Amino acid sequence: FQNAQYEKCIETYSRLITVKPSEVSAYYYRGKARLNIANDPKESLNTMRENFYTAAIKDFTKAIEINGDEDTQMFQNRALAYKDYAIFRSYKAKRKDEKTACVALFNNSIADFQKVLTMQPLRKDIIDWVAYDKAQITSLK
C-alpha cells in the first residue's frame, strides 16, 4: 500500500477478503486504495471515479460493521470518502435533486466526523473538517 500501487493493492486485498471475509484490515486498506484512486487527478479516471468513491465507502462501512464502533480511523476515513465524493458530485450538480444528494453526502461525512469527536473531542483537524462540510452545505443551498 505504501508504494502507491493502488490497483495492485485492491487486487491483493480482494483476494484476501475472498479467503478471509472477516479481515477488517483488508476492507480498510482496500477502501483507502480505492479512495486514493478516486482522488487521483488523472483525467483518464474521470469515468470510473464515482465507482471508486462508492466502493471505498462500502469498504469502510464493512470494516466498521466487522470491527465495531470503537475505531476512529475507520470513521475518519469513511467521513473523508463521503466528503470527497460530495465534492466530486457537487462540481456537476446543477439541479435541486443533485444538490440535495451532495448535501446528504456531506451530512454523512459530518456524522462520521462527529463519531470521531465523541471519542477524541480535541481533534482540531476533525473540527475543521466538520466546519468545511457545513460551509459546503451552505454553498449548495
C-alpha atoms as a PDB file:
ATOM      1  CA  PHE A   1       0.000   0.000   0.000  1.00  0.00           C
ATOM      2  CA  GLN A   2       2.806   2.424   0.885  1.00  0.00           C
ATOM      3  CA  ASN A   3       4.305   2.392  -2.619  1.00  0.00           C
ATOM      4  CA  ALA A   4       1.176   3.843  -4.278  1.00  0.00           C
ATOM      5  CA  GLN A   5       0.416   0.795  -6.427  1.00  0.00           C
ATOM      6  CA  TYR A   6      -3.247   1.079  -5.549  1.00  0.00           C
ATOM      7  CA  GLU A   7      -4.670  -1.159  -8.283  1.00  0.00           C
ATOM      8  CA  LYS A   8      -2.381  -3.978  -7.168  1.00  0.00           C
ATOM      9  CA  CYS A   9      -3.383  -3.349  -3.546  1.00  0.00           C
ATOM     10  CA  ILE A  10      -7.060  -3.617  -4.462  1.00  0.00           C
ATOM     11  CA  GLU A  11      -6.430  -6.960  -6.167  1.00  0.00           C
ATOM     12  CA  THR A  12      -4.417  -8.286  -3.226  1.00  0.00           C
ATOM     13  CA  TYR A  13      -6.935  -7.200  -0.585  1.00  0.00           C
ATOM     14  CA  SER A  14      -9.828  -8.510  -2.685  1.00  0.00           C
ATOM     15  CA  ARG A  15      -8.152 -11.932  -2.788  1.00  0.00           C
ATOM     16  CA  LEU A  16      -7.615 -11.796   0.978  1.00  0.00           C
ATOM     17  CA  ILE A  17     -11.293 -10.929   1.513  1.00  0.00           C
ATOM     18  CA  THR A  18     -12.278 -13.942  -0.616  1.00  0.00           C
ATOM     19  CA  VAL A  19     -10.220 -16.219   1.635  1.00  0.00           C
ATOM     20  CA  LYS A  20     -10.873 -14.425   4.920  1.00  0.00           C
ATOM     21  CA  PRO A  21     -14.086 -12.328   4.642  1.00  0.00           C
ATOM     22  CA  SER A  22     -13.899 -11.029   8.208  1.00  0.00           C
ATOM     23  CA  GLU A  23     -10.421  -9.483   7.844  1.00  0.00           C
ATOM     24  CA  VAL A  24     -11.021  -5.857   8.874  1.00  0.00           C
ATOM     25  CA  SER A  25      -7.677  -4.540   7.644  1.00  0.00           C
ATOM     26  CA  ALA A  26      -8.329  -5.876   4.129  1.00  0.00           C
ATOM     27  CA  TYR A  27     -11.521  -3.812   3.817  1.00  0.00           C
ATOM     28  CA  TYR A  28      -9.854  -0.796   5.416  1.00  0.00           C
ATOM     29  CA  TYR A  29      -6.790  -0.785   3.150  1.00  0.00           C
ATOM     30  CA  ARG A  30      -8.774  -1.668   0.037  1.00  0.00           C
ATOM     31  CA  GLY A  31     -11.037   1.287   0.871  1.00  0.00           C
ATOM     32  CA  LYS A  32      -8.017   3.566   1.271  1.00  0.00           C
ATOM     33  CA  ALA A  33      -6.599   2.367  -2.055  1.00  0.00           C
ATOM     34  CA  ARG A  34      -9.925   2.970  -3.797  1.00  0.00           C
ATOM     35  CA  LEU A  35     -10.204   6.437  -2.258  1.00  0.00           C
ATOM     36  CA  ASN A  36      -6.672   7.300  -3.390  1.00  0.00           C
ATOM     37  CA  ILE A  37      -7.526   6.255  -6.948  1.00  0.00           C
ATOM     38  CA  ALA A  38     -10.785   8.235  -6.831  1.00  0.00           C
ATOM     39  CA  ASN A  39      -8.866  11.344  -5.761  1.00  0.00           C
ATOM     40  CA  ASP A  40      -6.164  10.935  -8.416  1.00  0.00           C
ATOM     41  CA  PRO A  41      -6.427  13.957 -10.741  1.00  0.00           C
ATOM     42  CA  LYS A  42      -5.724  11.976 -13.952  1.00  0.00           C
ATOM     43  CA  GLU A  43      -8.441  12.724 -16.486  1.00  0.00           C
ATOM     44  CA  SER A  44      -8.413   9.128 -17.688  1.00  0.00           C
ATOM     45  CA  LEU A  45     -10.013   8.155 -14.369  1.00  0.00           C
ATOM     46  CA  ASN A  46     -12.989  10.510 -14.695  1.00  0.00           C
ATOM     47  CA  THR A  47     -15.435   7.873 -15.935  1.00  0.00           C
ATOM     48  CA  MET A  48     -14.562   5.464 -13.102  1.00  0.00           C
ATOM     49  CA  ARG A  49     -14.140   7.986 -10.298  1.00  0.00           C
ATOM     50  CA  GLU A  50     -17.689   7.677  -8.952  1.00  0.00           C
ATOM     51  CA  ASN A  51     -17.377   3.882  -8.730  1.00  0.00           C
ATOM     52  CA  PHE A  52     -14.163   4.170  -6.732  1.00  0.00           C
ATOM     53  CA  TYR A  53     -15.772   6.602  -4.265  1.00  0.00           C
ATOM     54  CA  THR A  54     -18.805   4.396  -3.677  1.00  0.00           C
ATOM     55  CA  ALA A  55     -16.652   1.257  -3.420  1.00  0.00           C
ATOM     56  CA  ALA A  56     -14.356   2.948  -0.881  1.00  0.00           C
ATOM     57  CA  ILE A  57     -17.359   3.971   1.235  1.00  0.00           C
ATOM     58  CA  LYS A  58     -18.692   0.396   1.111  1.00  0.00           C
ATOM     59  CA  ASP A  59     -15.310  -0.982   2.185  1.00  0.00           C
ATOM     60  CA  PHE A  60     -15.051   1.394   5.147  1.00  0.00           C
ATOM     61  CA  THR A  61     -18.659   0.581   6.090  1.00  0.00           C
ATOM     62  CA  LYS A  62     -17.917  -3.156   6.024  1.00  0.00           C
ATOM     63  CA  ALA A  63     -14.790  -2.630   8.146  1.00  0.00           C
ATOM     64  CA  ILE A  64     -16.892  -0.710  10.693  1.00  0.00           C
ATOM     65  CA  GLU A  65     -19.552  -3.457  10.698  1.00  0.00           C
ATOM     66  CA  ILE A  66     -16.921  -6.099  11.426  1.00  0.00           C
ATOM     67  CA  ASN A  67     -14.810  -4.066  13.834  1.00  0.00           C
ATOM     68  CA  GLY A  68     -17.496  -2.194  15.767  1.00  0.00           C
ATOM     69  CA  ASP A  69     -17.834   1.470  16.658  1.00  0.00           C
ATOM     70  CA  GLU A  70     -14.575   1.958  18.536  1.00  0.00           C
ATOM     71  CA  ASP A  71     -12.033   2.617  15.780  1.00  0.00           C
ATOM     72  CA  THR A  72     -11.825   6.311  14.961  1.00  0.00           C
ATOM     73  CA  GLN A  73      -9.665   5.696  11.886  1.00  0.00           C
ATOM     74  CA  MET A  74     -12.444   3.760  10.187  1.00  0.00           C
ATOM     75  CA  PHE A  75     -14.945   6.562  10.776  1.00  0.00           C
ATOM     76  CA  GLN A  76     -12.449   9.265   9.836  1.00  0.00           C
ATOM     77  CA  ASN A  77     -11.618   7.597   6.533  1.00  0.00           C
ATOM     78  CA  ARG A  78     -15.259   6.964   5.687  1.00  0.00           C
ATOM     79  CA  ALA A  79     -16.005  10.606   6.538  1.00  0.00           C
ATOM     80  CA  LEU A  80     -13.225  11.715   4.196  1.00  0.00           C
ATOM     81  CA  ALA A  81     -14.581   9.428   1.474  1.00  0.00           C
ATOM     82  CA  TYR A  82     -18.092  10.886   1.867  1.00  0.00           C
ATOM     83  CA  LYS A  83     -16.635  14.413   1.806  1.00  0.00           C
ATOM     84  CA  ASP A  84     -14.501  13.802  -1.270  1.00  0.00           C
ATOM     85  CA  TYR A  85     -17.373  12.093  -3.079  1.00  0.00           C
ATOM     86  CA  ALA A  86     -19.668  15.012  -2.219  1.00  0.00           C
ATOM     87  CA  ILE A  87     -17.121  17.494  -3.577  1.00  0.00           C
ATOM     88  CA  PHE A  88     -16.766  15.456  -6.769  1.00  0.00           C
ATOM     89  CA  ARG A  89     -20.543  15.313  -7.263  1.00  0.00           C
ATOM     90  CA  SER A  90     -21.011  18.997  -6.378  1.00  0.00           C
ATOM     91  CA  TYR A  91     -18.873  20.103  -9.353  1.00  0.00           C
ATOM     92  CA  LYS A  92     -21.560  18.944 -11.751  1.00  0.00           C
ATOM     93  CA  ALA A  93     -24.618  19.419  -9.520  1.00  0.00           C
ATOM     94  CA  LYS A  94     -26.993  21.803 -11.242  1.00  0.00           C
ATOM     95  CA  ARG A  95     -30.474  20.545 -10.392  1.00  0.00           C
ATOM     96  CA  LYS A  96     -32.002  20.670  -6.928  1.00  0.00           C
ATOM     97  CA  ASP A  97     -32.052  16.862  -6.580  1.00  0.00           C
ATOM     98  CA  GLU A  98     -28.330  16.684  -7.444  1.00  0.00           C
ATOM     99  CA  LYS A  99     -27.529  19.334  -4.849  1.00  0.00           C
ATOM    100  CA  THR A 100     -29.704  17.521  -2.298  1.00  0.00           C
ATOM    101  CA  ALA A 101     -27.711  14.323  -2.919  1.00  0.00           C
ATOM    102  CA  CYS A 102     -24.473  16.248  -2.300  1.00  0.00           C
ATOM    103  CA  VAL A 103     -25.855  17.689   0.932  1.00  0.00           C
ATOM    104  CA  ALA A 104     -26.739  14.155   2.077  1.00  0.00           C
ATOM    105  CA  LEU A 105     -23.160  13.019   1.414  1.00  0.00           C
ATOM    106  CA  PHE A 106     -21.758  15.994   3.347  1.00  0.00           C
ATOM    107  CA  ASN A 107     -24.164  15.182   6.207  1.00  0.00           C
ATOM    108  CA  ASN A 108     -22.910  11.581   6.231  1.00  0.00           C
ATOM    109  CA  SER A 109     -19.381  12.936   6.408  1.00  0.00           C
ATOM    110  CA  ILE A 110     -20.294  15.182   9.339  1.00  0.00           C
ATOM    111  CA  ALA A 111     -21.976  12.272  11.163  1.00  0.00           C
ATOM    112  CA  ASP A 112     -18.826  10.159  10.883  1.00  0.00           C
ATOM    113  CA  PHE A 113     -16.577  13.047  11.910  1.00  0.00           C
ATOM    114  CA  GLN A 114     -18.868  13.587  14.933  1.00  0.00           C
ATOM    115  CA  LYS A 115     -18.326   9.940  15.935  1.00  0.00           C
ATOM    116  CA  VAL A 116     -14.583  10.583  15.881  1.00  0.00           C
ATOM    117  CA  LEU A 117     -15.075  13.700  18.021  1.00  0.00           C
ATOM    118  CA  THR A 118     -17.151  11.718  20.518  1.00  0.00           C
ATOM    119  CA  MET A 119     -14.114   9.514  21.142  1.00  0.00           C
ATOM    120  CA  GLN A 120     -11.429  12.169  20.585  1.00  0.00           C
ATOM    121  CA  PRO A 121     -13.026  15.561  21.323  1.00  0.00           C
ATOM    122  CA  LEU A 122      -9.863  17.647  20.962  1.00  0.00           C
ATOM    123  CA  ARG A 123      -9.111  16.727  17.337  1.00  0.00           C
ATOM    124  CA  LYS A 124      -8.743  20.162  15.708  1.00  0.00           C
ATOM    125  CA  ASP A 125      -8.351  18.592  12.259  1.00  0.00           C
ATOM    126  CA  ILE A 126     -11.721  16.874  12.604  1.00  0.00           C
ATOM    127  CA  ILE A 127     -13.374  20.032  13.955  1.00  0.00           C
ATOM    128  CA  ASP A 128     -12.031  21.872  10.889  1.00  0.00           C
ATOM    129  CA  TRP A 129     -13.392  19.183   8.526  1.00  0.00           C
ATOM    130  CA  VAL A 130     -16.852  19.495  10.119  1.00  0.00           C
ATOM    131  CA  ALA A 131     -16.730  23.271   9.598  1.00  0.00           C
ATOM    132  CA  TYR A 132     -15.642  22.716   5.988  1.00  0.00           C
ATOM    133  CA  ASP A 133     -18.508  20.292   5.341  1.00  0.00           C
ATOM    134  CA  LYS A 134     -21.012  22.728   6.842  1.00  0.00           C
ATOM    135  CA  ALA A 135     -19.687  25.547   4.636  1.00  0.00           C
ATOM    136  CA  GLN A 136     -20.058  23.328   1.567  1.00  0.00           C
ATOM    137  CA  ILE A 137     -23.653  22.533   2.534  1.00  0.00           C
ATOM    138  CA  THR A 138     -24.389  26.254   2.854  1.00  0.00           C
ATOM    139  CA  SER A 139     -22.928  26.912  -0.599  1.00  0.00           C
ATOM    140  CA  LEU A 140     -25.175  24.244  -2.142  1.00  0.00           C
ATOM    141  CA  LYS A 141     -28.402  25.770  -0.821  1.00  0.00           C
END
